[in-house]
Amino acid sequence: MQANTLQDLHSQASALAQLLTFTEVCNLLRKSRSGVYKLMAADPTFPRPIKDGKARSARTFFVAGEFAAWQQSKLDARDAA
């Protein structure tokens, strides 16, 4: 995707910058870390995390837009049932 204007470049940069930490996702879902890990294992539609390095202790982030879309799909599925 190529940015044609400064506004396009700014919107792309802001979209990339919107990351949620693992702790923020835990708080949003009202789950513990192990609860989120269980949810990740059980639900193949759950957004895949991004690691900030190769070490086990590297921070984990989620793309806010993907997380919001996942939540919306769960709400839509609930309303359709």
N, C-alpha and C. Protein backbone atom coordinates (compact mmCIF):
# COMPACT_ATOMS: atom_id res chain seq x y z
N MET A 1 0.84 -1.16 0.00
CA MET A 1 0.00 0.00 0.00
C MET A 1 0.90 1.24 0.00
N GLN A 2 0.68 2.11 -0.97
CA GLN A 2 1.53 3.27 -1.13
C GLN A 2 0.79 4.53 -0.72
N ALA A 3 1.47 5.39 0.06
CA ALA A 3 0.87 6.64 0.50
C ALA A 3 1.07 7.70 -0.57
N ASN A 4 -0.03 8.31 -1.01
CA ASN A 4 0.05 9.33 -2.05
C ASN A 4 0.13 10.73 -1.47
N THR A 5 -0.40 10.94 -0.30
CA THR A 5 -0.38 12.26 0.32
C THR A 5 0.15 12.14 1.73
N LEU A 6 0.44 13.29 2.30
CA LEU A 6 0.90 13.32 3.68
C LEU A 6 -0.20 12.81 4.62
N GLN A 7 -1.44 13.10 4.29
CA GLN A 7 -2.56 12.63 5.11
C GLN A 7 -2.66 11.10 5.07
N ASP A 8 -2.46 10.50 3.89
CA ASP A 8 -2.47 9.04 3.78
C ASP A 8 -1.35 8.43 4.62
N LEU A 9 -0.18 9.04 4.56
CA LEU A 9 0.96 8.55 5.33
C LEU A 9 0.67 8.65 6.83
N HIS A 10 0.07 9.75 7.24
CA HIS A 10 -0.26 9.94 8.65
C HIS A 10 -1.29 8.91 9.11
N SER A 11 -2.31 8.65 8.31
CA SER A 11 -3.34 7.68 8.71
C SER A 11 -2.77 6.27 8.78
N GLN A 12 -1.86 5.94 7.86
CA GLN A 12 -1.22 4.62 7.91
C GLN A 12 -0.36 4.49 9.16
N ALA A 13 0.38 5.54 9.49
CA ALA A 13 1.25 5.50 10.67
C ALA A 13 0.43 5.39 11.94
N SER A 14 -0.68 6.12 12.01
CA SER A 14 -1.48 6.05 13.23
C SER A 14 -2.15 4.69 13.37
N ALA A 15 -2.52 4.07 12.25
CA ALA A 15 -3.12 2.74 12.31
C ALA A 15 -2.09 1.72 12.81
N LEU A 16 -0.86 1.86 12.38
CA LEU A 16 0.18 0.94 12.82
C LEU A 16 0.54 1.16 14.28
N ALA A 17 0.39 2.37 14.76
CA ALA A 17 0.81 2.70 16.12
C ALA A 17 -0.20 2.25 17.17
N GLN A 18 -1.38 1.84 16.78
CA GLN A 18 -2.40 1.49 17.75
C GLN A 18 -2.27 0.03 18.16
N LEU A 19 -1.43 -0.19 19.15
CA LEU A 19 -1.18 -1.53 19.66
C LEU A 19 -1.65 -1.60 21.11
N LEU A 20 -2.17 -2.75 21.47
CA LEU A 20 -2.59 -3.00 22.84
C LEU A 20 -1.59 -3.96 23.48
N THR A 21 -1.22 -3.70 24.71
CA THR A 21 -0.35 -4.63 25.42
C THR A 21 -1.17 -5.83 25.88
N PHE A 22 -0.48 -6.88 26.25
CA PHE A 22 -1.16 -8.07 26.74
C PHE A 22 -1.98 -7.73 27.98
N THR A 23 -1.43 -6.90 28.84
CA THR A 23 -2.13 -6.49 30.06
C THR A 23 -3.41 -5.73 29.73
N GLU A 24 -3.35 -4.86 28.73
CA GLU A 24 -4.54 -4.11 28.33
C GLU A 24 -5.63 -5.04 27.80
N VAL A 25 -5.23 -6.05 27.02
CA VAL A 25 -6.20 -7.03 26.52
C VAL A 25 -6.81 -7.80 27.69
N CYS A 26 -5.99 -8.18 28.65
CA CYS A 26 -6.51 -8.87 29.84
C CYS A 26 -7.54 -8.00 30.54
N ASN A 27 -7.24 -6.73 30.70
CA ASN A 27 -8.16 -5.81 31.38
C ASN A 27 -9.44 -5.62 30.57
N LEU A 28 -9.34 -5.50 29.26
CA LEU A 28 -10.53 -5.32 28.43
C LEU A 28 -11.45 -6.53 28.48
N LEU A 29 -10.87 -7.71 28.55
CA LEU A 29 -11.65 -8.94 28.58
C LEU A 29 -12.02 -9.38 29.99
N ARG A 30 -11.47 -8.69 31.00
CA ARG A 30 -11.69 -9.05 32.40
C ARG A 30 -11.26 -10.49 32.66
N LYS A 31 -10.07 -10.83 32.11
CA LYS A 31 -9.52 -12.18 32.28
C LYS A 31 -8.10 -12.08 32.77
N SER A 32 -7.64 -13.15 33.39
CA SER A 32 -6.24 -13.24 33.80
C SER A 32 -5.40 -13.58 32.57
N ARG A 33 -4.09 -13.52 32.74
CA ARG A 33 -3.20 -13.87 31.62
C ARG A 33 -3.45 -15.31 31.17
N SER A 34 -3.59 -16.21 32.14
CA SER A 34 -3.83 -17.60 31.76
C SER A 34 -5.19 -17.76 31.09
N GLY A 35 -6.16 -16.95 31.49
CA GLY A 35 -7.47 -16.98 30.84
C GLY A 35 -7.40 -16.54 29.39
N VAL A 36 -6.58 -15.53 29.12
CA VAL A 36 -6.41 -15.07 27.73
C VAL A 36 -5.67 -16.13 26.92
N TYR A 37 -4.65 -16.75 27.52
CA TYR A 37 -3.95 -17.82 26.81
C TYR A 37 -4.90 -18.98 26.48
N LYS A 38 -5.78 -19.33 27.41
CA LYS A 38 -6.77 -20.39 27.15
C LYS A 38 -7.72 -19.98 26.02
N LEU A 39 -8.14 -18.71 26.03
CA LEU A 39 -9.01 -18.21 24.97
C LEU A 39 -8.29 -18.25 23.62
N MET A 40 -7.01 -17.87 23.61
CA MET A 40 -6.23 -17.91 22.37
C MET A 40 -6.13 -19.33 21.82
N ALA A 41 -5.98 -20.31 22.72
CA ALA A 41 -5.87 -21.71 22.30
C ALA A 41 -7.20 -22.26 21.82
N ALA A 42 -8.29 -21.82 22.43
CA ALA A 42 -9.60 -22.38 22.12
C ALA A 42 -10.29 -21.72 20.93
N ASP A 43 -9.98 -20.44 20.67
CA ASP A 43 -10.67 -19.69 19.63
C ASP A 43 -9.70 -19.35 18.49
N PRO A 44 -9.82 -20.05 17.36
CA PRO A 44 -8.89 -19.78 16.25
C PRO A 44 -9.10 -18.41 15.61
N THR A 45 -10.20 -17.74 15.90
CA THR A 45 -10.43 -16.41 15.33
C THR A 45 -9.84 -15.30 16.19
N PHE A 46 -9.33 -15.64 17.37
CA PHE A 46 -8.73 -14.62 18.24
C PHE A 46 -7.51 -14.03 17.54
N PRO A 47 -7.33 -12.71 17.61
CA PRO A 47 -6.20 -12.07 16.92
C PRO A 47 -4.86 -12.62 17.38
N ARG A 48 -3.97 -12.79 16.42
CA ARG A 48 -2.63 -13.28 16.74
C ARG A 48 -1.78 -12.16 17.31
N PRO A 49 -1.02 -12.44 18.36
CA PRO A 49 -0.20 -11.40 18.97
C PRO A 49 1.07 -11.12 18.16
N ILE A 50 1.68 -9.99 18.46
CA ILE A 50 2.95 -9.58 17.87
C ILE A 50 3.98 -9.56 18.99
N LYS A 51 5.09 -10.26 18.82
CA LYS A 51 6.15 -10.24 19.83
C LYS A 51 7.15 -9.15 19.47
N ASP A 52 7.65 -8.46 20.50
CA ASP A 52 8.61 -7.38 20.32
C ASP A 52 10.04 -7.89 20.45
N GLY A 53 10.29 -9.05 19.91
CA GLY A 53 11.62 -9.65 19.97
C GLY A 53 11.51 -11.15 19.95
N LYS A 54 12.64 -11.82 20.01
CA LYS A 54 12.64 -13.28 19.93
C LYS A 54 12.72 -13.94 21.30
N ALA A 55 13.09 -13.18 22.31
CA ALA A 55 13.21 -13.75 23.66
C ALA A 55 11.84 -14.10 24.21
N ARG A 56 11.80 -15.10 25.09
CA ARG A 56 10.54 -15.47 25.73
C ARG A 56 9.94 -14.32 26.51
N SER A 57 10.82 -13.48 27.05
CA SER A 57 10.36 -12.37 27.88
C SER A 57 10.02 -11.11 27.08
N ALA A 58 10.06 -11.20 25.75
CA ALA A 58 9.74 -10.05 24.91
C ALA A 58 8.28 -9.66 25.10
N ARG A 59 8.00 -8.37 25.04
CA ARG A 59 6.62 -7.89 25.21
C ARG A 59 5.74 -8.37 24.08
N THR A 60 4.47 -8.57 24.41
CA THR A 60 3.48 -9.03 23.45
C THR A 60 2.45 -7.95 23.24
N PHE A 61 2.11 -7.71 21.97
CA PHE A 61 1.13 -6.68 21.62
C PHE A 61 0.07 -7.28 20.71
N PHE A 62 -1.08 -6.61 20.68
CA PHE A 62 -2.16 -6.96 19.76
C PHE A 62 -2.52 -5.71 18.97
N VAL A 63 -2.85 -5.87 17.71
CA VAL A 63 -3.29 -4.75 16.89
C VAL A 63 -4.70 -4.38 17.33
N ALA A 64 -4.89 -3.12 17.71
CA ALA A 64 -6.16 -2.68 18.29
C ALA A 64 -7.32 -2.90 17.31
N GLY A 65 -7.10 -2.64 16.03
CA GLY A 65 -8.17 -2.82 15.04
C GLY A 65 -8.60 -4.26 14.90
N GLU A 66 -7.64 -5.18 14.93
CA GLU A 66 -7.96 -6.61 14.84
C GLU A 66 -8.73 -7.05 16.08
N PHE A 67 -8.31 -6.55 17.24
CA PHE A 67 -8.98 -6.91 18.48
C PHE A 67 -10.42 -6.38 18.49
N ALA A 68 -10.60 -5.15 18.04
CA ALA A 68 -11.94 -4.55 17.98
C ALA A 68 -12.83 -5.32 17.00
N ALA A 69 -12.26 -5.72 15.86
CA ALA A 69 -13.03 -6.49 14.88
C ALA A 69 -13.43 -7.85 15.44
N TRP A 70 -12.54 -8.47 16.20
CA TRP A 70 -12.85 -9.76 16.83
C TRP A 70 -13.99 -9.60 17.83
N GLN A 71 -13.91 -8.55 18.65
CA GLN A 71 -14.98 -8.30 19.61
C GLN A 71 -16.30 -8.04 18.89
N GLN A 72 -16.27 -7.28 17.80
CA GLN A 72 -17.49 -6.99 17.06
C GLN A 72 -18.08 -8.25 16.45
N SER A 73 -17.22 -9.15 15.96
CA SER A 73 -17.72 -10.40 15.39
C SER A 73 -18.40 -11.25 16.45
N LYS A 74 -17.88 -11.22 17.68
CA LYS A 74 -18.51 -11.96 18.78
C LYS A 74 -19.87 -11.35 19.11
N LEU A 75 -19.97 -10.03 19.11
CA LEU A 75 -21.25 -9.36 19.37
C LEU A 75 -22.25 -9.66 18.26
N ASP A 76 -21.79 -9.64 17.01
CA ASP A 76 -22.66 -9.92 15.88
C ASP A 76 -23.19 -11.36 15.94
N ALA A 77 -22.31 -12.30 16.32
CA ALA A 77 -22.71 -13.70 16.44
C ALA A 77 -23.74 -13.88 17.55
N ARG A 78 -23.56 -13.13 18.63
CA ARG A 78 -24.52 -13.19 19.73
C ARG A 78 -25.88 -12.67 19.29
N ASP A 79 -25.88 -11.56 18.56
CA ASP A 79 -27.13 -10.95 18.10
C ASP A 79 -27.84 -11.81 17.05
N ALA A 80 -27.06 -12.56 16.26
CA ALA A 80 -27.64 -13.40 15.22
C ALA A 80 -28.28 -14.66 15.81
N ALA A 81 -27.81 -15.06 16.99
CA ALA A 81 -28.34 -16.29 17.61
C ALA A 81 -29.71 -16.09 18.21
